[in-house]
Amino acid sequence: MPHDGLLNLAPEGERRQPFASGGLGSVFLVNKPLLGGLCVEKRLHPHLAELRCFRQRFVLEARIGLALRHPNLSQTLLLVDAPGAGLRFYQPLVPGPTLTRLRPLLPQLAPGVRLALAGQLLADGFAALDGLYEVRIAGRPGGRVLAHSDIAPANFVMRDDATFVLIDYGQAHTSDRPDGEMDTSGHASRFMAPWCLHAKERTSCASDAWSLALVALDIATGCSFHAEGAERFDVTGLLERVLRASRDLRTYEKSFPWLPAAQRLVHCETAKEAAALAPPLRAQLPHKRNVSGQSDAVRSSLSNDALHTLRSVVGAAFEDLFRRVADAAFGATA
């Protein structure tokens, strides 16, 4: 069960397997029996730990996770400030690779399978955002999340049943902001809505919906996953590339009616337009979702054949993940 607060605990000396690294900190796999077994440990970079704005942002991300209870959102189990070991928090390990890890493999899938996967991401992503917007941040009376602000492939994990979990809230735009907290308006993601980048507007529910639609179309088209120098593209270049490739999917629109709705959404140039077009997109998704996160919110809409094909293609990504999990569990890496 999550612990709703900041604990001061001595370092435990457990083995850690390096897993990932980001702008604010590093991520490790670690075995924590008291928290239920294998966990993801996020640590603030030492050179940022003394800077108040970064420390507040890191703690805020953890406190958002402490308040979450939703099957498509990764929660925080424990937030720790350990003398001599730095600030860190723990999340349960979601057993699956991120979309970033899967992206080079997806062009091997048939368009119909990619479209089914993209539709599942949209359904799970909107369900996750509903749950995120509903929470009241732990330790922050009146605090709530106004926008995720960083909807991107690196922040979604695909489980073995081809459902998705949102795992990171490090750039969330929140209400009830204490003085000195990092401003997210300058954060730039390849999947951020253009009005937030160019007009410097604050992120919102509408910009989150725009970004989610672009990530889904990126999956559906498979066009940018293996492109040489793809990381050189800004969001405008990525958008143009995805829209060009999505024209080849018109024959699938009858089977996937959300596809033209997603294309219309990413054509939006303002938050007002995006806010108006997000509900029609959601209405076309493969199955209905409830915002309270009951069991029907985690069922995959992919057929058994599509799941089998998907697993055969992305099996290497799962094998790599589980090898690293085993290393963390049994001590192959100290």
Protein backbone atom coordinates (compact mmCIF):
# COMPACT_ATOMS: atom_id res chain seq x y z
CA MET A 1 0.00 0.00 0.00
CA PRO A 2 1.26 3.53 -0.70
CA HIS A 3 2.54 5.54 2.23
CA ASP A 4 1.03 9.02 2.15
CA GLY A 5 4.02 11.09 3.17
CA LEU A 6 7.74 11.75 3.20
CA LEU A 7 9.82 9.30 5.22
CA ASN A 8 13.36 9.67 6.53
CA LEU A 9 14.91 6.23 6.29
CA ALA A 10 18.48 5.00 6.36
CA PRO A 11 19.86 3.57 3.10
CA GLU A 12 19.11 -0.15 2.87
CA GLY A 13 22.07 -1.19 0.75
CA GLU A 14 19.93 -3.11 -1.72
CA ARG A 15 21.17 -3.99 -5.20
CA ARG A 16 20.10 -1.72 -8.02
CA GLN A 17 19.92 -2.33 -11.74
CA PRO A 18 20.26 0.89 -13.81
CA PHE A 19 17.12 1.19 -15.91
CA ALA A 20 16.77 4.68 -17.40
CA SER A 21 17.79 8.31 -17.00
CA GLY A 22 15.90 11.55 -17.47
CA GLY A 23 16.23 15.28 -17.02
CA LEU A 24 15.52 15.25 -13.28
CA GLY A 25 16.89 11.92 -12.19
CA SER A 26 17.91 8.32 -12.73
CA VAL A 27 15.73 5.24 -12.64
CA PHE A 28 16.72 1.88 -11.15
CA LEU A 29 15.14 -1.54 -10.70
CA VAL A 30 15.36 -2.66 -7.09
CA ASN A 31 13.92 -5.50 -5.02
CA LYS A 32 11.90 -4.10 -2.08
CA PRO A 33 10.09 -6.93 -0.25
CA LEU A 34 8.41 -4.47 2.13
CA LEU A 35 6.82 -2.77 -0.89
CA GLY A 36 5.74 -5.99 -2.54
CA GLY A 37 8.87 -7.02 -4.45
CA LEU A 38 10.44 -5.51 -7.55
CA CYS A 39 10.00 -1.75 -7.81
CA VAL A 40 11.16 1.17 -9.90
CA GLU A 41 13.26 3.60 -7.88
CA LYS A 42 13.52 7.19 -9.12
CA ARG A 43 16.36 9.30 -7.72
CA LEU A 44 16.91 13.01 -8.16
CA HIS A 45 20.25 13.80 -9.79
CA PRO A 46 22.71 14.84 -7.04
CA HIS A 47 23.61 18.10 -8.81
CA LEU A 48 19.93 19.11 -8.77
CA ALA A 49 19.14 18.05 -5.21
CA GLU A 50 20.29 21.35 -3.70
CA LEU A 51 18.20 23.46 -6.07
CA ARG A 52 14.85 24.23 -4.49
CA CYS A 53 12.82 24.34 -7.72
CA PHE A 54 14.02 20.93 -8.91
CA ARG A 55 13.57 19.37 -5.49
CA GLN A 56 10.01 20.69 -5.31
CA ARG A 57 9.24 19.41 -8.79
CA PHE A 58 10.57 15.94 -7.93
CA VAL A 59 8.60 15.76 -4.67
CA LEU A 60 5.48 16.99 -6.48
CA GLU A 61 5.75 14.16 -9.02
CA ALA A 62 5.96 11.66 -6.16
CA ARG A 63 3.02 13.23 -4.31
CA ILE A 64 0.86 13.08 -7.43
CA GLY A 65 1.61 9.35 -7.59
CA LEU A 66 0.74 8.90 -3.91
CA ALA A 67 -2.80 10.06 -4.65
CA LEU A 68 -3.41 7.81 -7.67
CA ARG A 69 -5.64 4.72 -7.66
CA HIS A 70 -6.23 3.86 -11.32
CA PRO A 71 -5.29 0.80 -13.43
CA ASN A 72 -3.83 2.95 -16.22
CA LEU A 73 -1.69 5.10 -13.90
CA SER A 74 1.46 4.10 -12.03
CA GLN A 75 1.24 5.13 -8.39
CA THR A 76 3.93 6.07 -5.88
CA LEU A 77 4.46 3.50 -3.14
CA LEU A 78 6.89 5.43 -0.98
CA LEU A 79 8.65 8.81 -0.94
CA VAL A 80 11.95 8.81 0.93
CA ASP A 81 14.51 11.42 1.97
CA ALA A 82 17.37 9.30 3.27
CA PRO A 83 20.41 10.99 4.91
CA GLY A 84 23.41 10.41 2.71
CA ALA A 85 21.38 8.71 -0.01
CA GLY A 86 19.41 11.54 -1.55
CA LEU A 87 15.77 12.08 -2.42
CA ARG A 88 13.98 9.16 -4.07
CA PHE A 89 10.61 7.54 -4.51
CA TYR A 90 9.35 4.09 -5.49
CA GLN A 91 6.74 2.92 -7.97
CA PRO A 92 5.63 -0.66 -8.71
CA LEU A 93 7.32 -2.21 -11.72
CA VAL A 94 4.90 -2.27 -14.64
CA PRO A 95 5.86 -5.47 -16.51
CA GLY A 96 6.40 -4.30 -20.05
CA PRO A 97 8.53 -2.07 -22.29
CA THR A 98 7.90 1.60 -22.98
CA LEU A 99 6.59 2.72 -26.34
CA THR A 100 10.02 4.22 -27.02
CA ARG A 101 11.52 0.75 -26.72
CA LEU A 102 8.84 -0.70 -28.99
CA ARG A 103 8.92 1.96 -31.70
CA PRO A 104 11.71 0.40 -33.84
CA LEU A 105 9.79 -2.89 -33.91
CA LEU A 106 6.32 -1.66 -34.84
CA PRO A 107 6.90 -1.18 -38.60
CA GLN A 108 7.13 -4.98 -38.76
CA LEU A 109 3.44 -5.18 -37.84
CA ALA A 110 0.64 -5.10 -40.38
CA PRO A 111 -1.24 -1.75 -40.52
CA GLY A 112 -4.36 -3.30 -39.00
CA VAL A 113 -2.44 -4.48 -35.93
CA ARG A 114 -0.75 -1.10 -35.52
CA LEU A 115 -4.12 0.64 -35.79
CA ALA A 116 -5.64 -1.67 -33.17
CA LEU A 117 -2.71 -0.95 -30.87
CA ALA A 118 -3.03 2.80 -31.45
CA GLY A 119 -6.75 2.69 -30.68
CA GLN A 120 -6.00 0.85 -27.45
CA LEU A 121 -3.45 3.51 -26.52
CA LEU A 122 -6.03 6.25 -27.11
CA ALA A 123 -8.60 4.49 -24.93
CA ASP A 124 -6.11 3.76 -22.15
CA GLY A 125 -4.51 7.19 -22.45
CA PHE A 126 -7.78 9.08 -22.12
CA ALA A 127 -8.80 6.85 -19.20
CA ALA A 128 -5.46 7.60 -17.52
CA LEU A 129 -5.84 11.34 -18.06
CA ASP A 130 -9.37 11.25 -16.62
CA GLY A 131 -7.98 9.60 -13.50
CA LEU A 132 -5.09 12.04 -13.31
CA TYR A 133 -7.30 15.13 -13.53
CA GLU A 134 -9.54 13.80 -10.76
CA VAL A 135 -6.90 13.36 -8.06
CA ARG A 136 -6.17 15.70 -5.21
CA ILE A 137 -2.41 15.81 -4.66
CA ALA A 138 -1.20 14.18 -1.45
CA GLY A 139 0.07 16.73 1.07
CA ARG A 140 -1.25 19.65 -1.00
CA PRO A 141 -4.74 20.76 0.16
CA GLY A 142 -6.62 21.89 -2.94
CA GLY A 143 -3.81 20.81 -5.25
CA ARG A 144 -4.80 19.03 -8.46
CA VAL A 145 -3.36 18.22 -11.88
CA LEU A 146 -4.49 20.54 -14.68
CA ALA A 147 -2.41 18.91 -17.43
CA HIS A 148 0.10 16.10 -17.76
CA SER A 149 2.20 18.24 -20.15
CA ASP A 150 4.49 15.45 -21.38
CA ILE A 151 2.42 12.87 -23.25
CA ALA A 152 5.13 10.99 -25.17
CA PRO A 153 6.12 7.39 -26.00
CA ALA A 154 8.68 7.26 -23.19
CA ASN A 155 5.94 7.75 -20.60
CA PHE A 156 3.73 4.81 -21.62
CA VAL A 157 4.43 1.17 -20.77
CA MET A 158 2.68 -1.60 -22.69
CA ARG A 159 1.68 -4.59 -20.62
CA ASP A 160 1.65 -8.15 -21.96
CA ASP A 161 -2.07 -7.90 -22.80
CA ALA A 162 -1.41 -4.79 -24.97
CA THR A 163 -2.94 -2.32 -22.52
CA PHE A 164 -1.05 0.80 -21.48
CA VAL A 165 0.00 2.49 -18.25
CA LEU A 166 1.09 6.12 -17.90
CA ILE A 167 4.16 6.10 -15.65
CA ASP A 168 5.57 9.64 -15.35
CA TYR A 169 4.19 12.96 -14.06
CA GLY A 170 7.40 14.96 -13.82
CA GLN A 171 6.19 17.88 -15.96
CA ALA A 172 2.59 18.04 -14.72
CA HIS A 173 0.97 21.47 -14.64
CA THR A 174 -0.80 21.77 -11.28
CA SER A 175 -2.98 24.20 -9.36
CA ASP A 176 -2.09 25.55 -5.91
CA ARG A 177 1.54 26.01 -6.92
CA PRO A 178 3.89 27.08 -4.11
CA ASP A 179 6.21 30.01 -4.74
CA GLY A 180 9.42 28.96 -6.42
CA GLU A 181 8.07 25.80 -8.03
CA MET A 182 9.43 25.03 -11.49
CA ASP A 183 7.34 26.50 -14.30
CA THR A 184 6.55 23.88 -16.95
CA SER A 185 5.72 26.39 -19.68
CA GLY A 186 9.29 26.21 -21.00
CA HIS A 187 9.37 22.41 -21.22
CA ALA A 188 9.49 21.24 -24.84
CA SER A 189 8.46 17.76 -25.95
CA ARG A 190 8.49 16.44 -29.51
CA PHE A 191 4.82 15.67 -28.93
CA MET A 192 3.76 19.00 -27.40
CA ALA A 193 0.93 20.96 -29.02
CA PRO A 194 2.25 23.73 -31.29
CA TRP A 195 0.31 26.48 -29.53
CA CYS A 196 2.17 25.61 -26.32
CA LEU A 197 5.53 25.70 -28.13
CA HIS A 198 5.09 28.75 -30.34
CA ALA A 199 2.58 30.90 -28.45
CA LYS A 200 3.95 29.79 -25.06
CA GLU A 201 0.46 29.02 -23.78
CA ARG A 202 0.16 26.81 -20.73
CA THR A 203 -0.50 23.15 -21.28
CA SER A 204 -4.06 21.99 -20.65
CA CYS A 205 -6.42 19.04 -21.06
CA ALA A 206 -6.74 20.07 -24.72
CA SER A 207 -2.99 19.98 -25.34
CA ASP A 208 -2.77 16.59 -23.61
CA ALA A 209 -5.47 15.26 -25.96
CA TRP A 210 -3.61 16.68 -28.99
CA SER A 211 -0.36 15.02 -27.90
CA LEU A 212 -2.07 11.69 -27.24
CA ALA A 213 -3.64 11.74 -30.71
CA LEU A 214 -0.24 12.44 -32.30
CA VAL A 215 1.44 9.58 -30.40
CA ALA A 216 -1.38 7.25 -31.49
CA LEU A 217 -1.02 8.28 -35.15
CA ASP A 218 2.73 7.82 -34.85
CA ILE A 219 2.08 4.21 -33.80
CA ALA A 220 -0.58 3.66 -36.47
CA THR A 221 1.59 4.85 -39.34
CA GLY A 222 4.91 3.37 -38.20
CA CYS A 223 6.55 5.99 -40.39
CA SER A 224 8.96 7.66 -38.00
CA PHE A 225 10.07 4.70 -35.93
CA HIS A 226 12.97 3.62 -38.12
CA ALA A 227 13.76 6.90 -39.92
CA GLU A 228 17.40 7.89 -39.93
CA GLY A 229 17.84 11.06 -37.91
CA ALA A 230 14.23 11.02 -36.71
CA GLU A 231 15.20 12.80 -33.51
CA ARG A 232 16.14 15.87 -35.58
CA PHE A 233 12.49 16.55 -36.37
CA ASP A 234 10.63 19.11 -34.28
CA VAL A 235 6.97 18.57 -33.50
CA THR A 236 5.89 20.30 -36.72
CA GLY A 237 8.10 18.05 -38.85
CA LEU A 238 6.90 14.96 -37.01
CA LEU A 239 3.28 16.04 -37.47
CA GLU A 240 3.72 16.56 -41.21
CA ARG A 241 5.42 13.19 -41.57
CA VAL A 242 2.70 11.35 -39.66
CA LEU A 243 -0.14 13.04 -41.54
CA ARG A 244 1.44 12.20 -44.91
CA ALA A 245 1.78 8.55 -43.95
CA SER A 246 -1.71 8.37 -42.45
CA ARG A 247 -3.24 9.13 -45.86
CA ASP A 248 -2.23 5.61 -46.85
CA LEU A 249 -4.50 4.26 -44.11
CA ARG A 250 -7.76 5.58 -45.55
CA THR A 251 -8.92 2.09 -46.50
CA TYR A 252 -8.95 1.25 -42.78
CA GLU A 253 -11.23 4.11 -41.70
CA LYS A 254 -14.37 1.93 -41.72
CA SER A 255 -12.78 -0.54 -39.31
CA PHE A 256 -11.10 2.18 -37.23
CA PRO A 257 -13.48 5.19 -37.24
CA TRP A 258 -11.34 7.02 -34.69
CA LEU A 259 -8.62 7.46 -37.34
CA PRO A 260 -10.13 10.48 -39.19
CA ALA A 261 -11.16 11.97 -35.82
CA ALA A 262 -7.53 11.77 -34.62
CA GLN A 263 -6.32 13.33 -37.88
CA ARG A 264 -8.75 16.24 -37.44
CA LEU A 265 -7.60 16.74 -33.86
CA VAL A 266 -3.91 17.01 -34.70
CA HIS A 267 -4.74 19.54 -37.43
CA CYS A 268 -5.90 21.93 -34.68
CA GLU A 269 -3.89 25.08 -34.16
CA THR A 270 -5.52 26.30 -30.93
CA ALA A 271 -6.52 24.82 -27.59
CA LYS A 272 -10.14 25.84 -28.20
CA GLU A 273 -10.30 23.82 -31.41
CA ALA A 274 -8.66 20.80 -29.75
CA ALA A 275 -11.07 20.93 -26.80
CA ALA A 276 -14.00 20.79 -29.23
CA LEU A 277 -12.60 17.86 -31.26
CA ALA A 278 -11.39 15.62 -28.42
CA PRO A 279 -14.90 14.37 -27.40
CA PRO A 280 -15.79 13.21 -30.96
CA LEU A 281 -12.51 11.28 -31.05
CA ARG A 282 -13.25 9.59 -27.73
CA ALA A 283 -16.73 8.64 -28.95
CA GLN A 284 -15.15 6.64 -31.81
CA LEU A 285 -12.80 4.55 -29.66
CA PRO A 286 -13.16 0.75 -29.72
CA HIS A 287 -14.83 0.39 -26.33
CA LYS A 288 -16.27 2.65 -23.69
CA ARG A 289 -14.29 3.63 -20.65
CA ASN A 290 -15.41 4.73 -17.22
CA VAL A 291 -13.44 7.36 -15.33
CA SER A 292 -13.45 5.47 -12.03
CA GLY A 293 -11.00 2.85 -13.29
CA GLN A 294 -13.06 -0.31 -12.86
CA SER A 295 -12.08 -3.62 -14.41
CA ASP A 296 -13.47 -2.86 -17.87
CA ALA A 297 -10.90 -0.07 -18.14
CA VAL A 298 -8.02 -2.52 -18.46
CA ARG A 299 -9.29 -5.00 -21.05
CA SER A 300 -7.49 -5.05 -24.37
CA SER A 301 -9.55 -4.45 -27.51
CA LEU A 302 -7.07 -6.37 -29.70
CA SER A 303 -8.17 -9.66 -31.19
CA ASN A 304 -6.37 -12.86 -30.18
CA ASP A 305 -4.71 -13.00 -33.60
CA ALA A 306 -3.50 -9.41 -33.29
CA LEU A 307 -2.17 -10.06 -29.79
CA HIS A 308 -0.32 -13.17 -30.99
CA THR A 309 1.26 -11.23 -33.87
CA LEU A 310 2.18 -8.35 -31.59
CA ARG A 311 3.81 -10.62 -29.04
CA SER A 312 5.83 -12.44 -31.68
CA VAL A 313 7.24 -9.14 -32.99
CA VAL A 314 7.91 -7.38 -29.70
CA GLY A 315 9.01 -10.47 -27.80
CA ALA A 316 12.63 -9.31 -27.84
CA ALA A 317 11.67 -6.13 -26.01
CA PHE A 318 9.94 -8.14 -23.27
CA GLU A 319 12.86 -10.56 -23.04
CA ASP A 320 15.29 -7.66 -22.57
CA LEU A 321 13.09 -6.18 -19.87
CA PHE A 322 12.74 -9.45 -17.97
CA ARG A 323 16.49 -10.10 -18.19
CA ARG A 324 17.07 -6.77 -16.48
CA VAL A 325 14.37 -7.54 -13.92
CA ALA A 326 16.06 -10.84 -13.13
CA ASP A 327 19.39 -9.05 -12.71
CA ALA A 328 17.81 -6.71 -10.17
CA ALA A 329 16.02 -9.50 -8.34
CA PHE A 330 18.93 -11.92 -8.07
CA GLY A 331 21.85 -9.59 -7.79
CA ALA A 332 23.63 -9.80 -11.12
CA THR A 333 24.32 -6.06 -10.88
CA ALA A 334 25.27 -4.41 -7.61
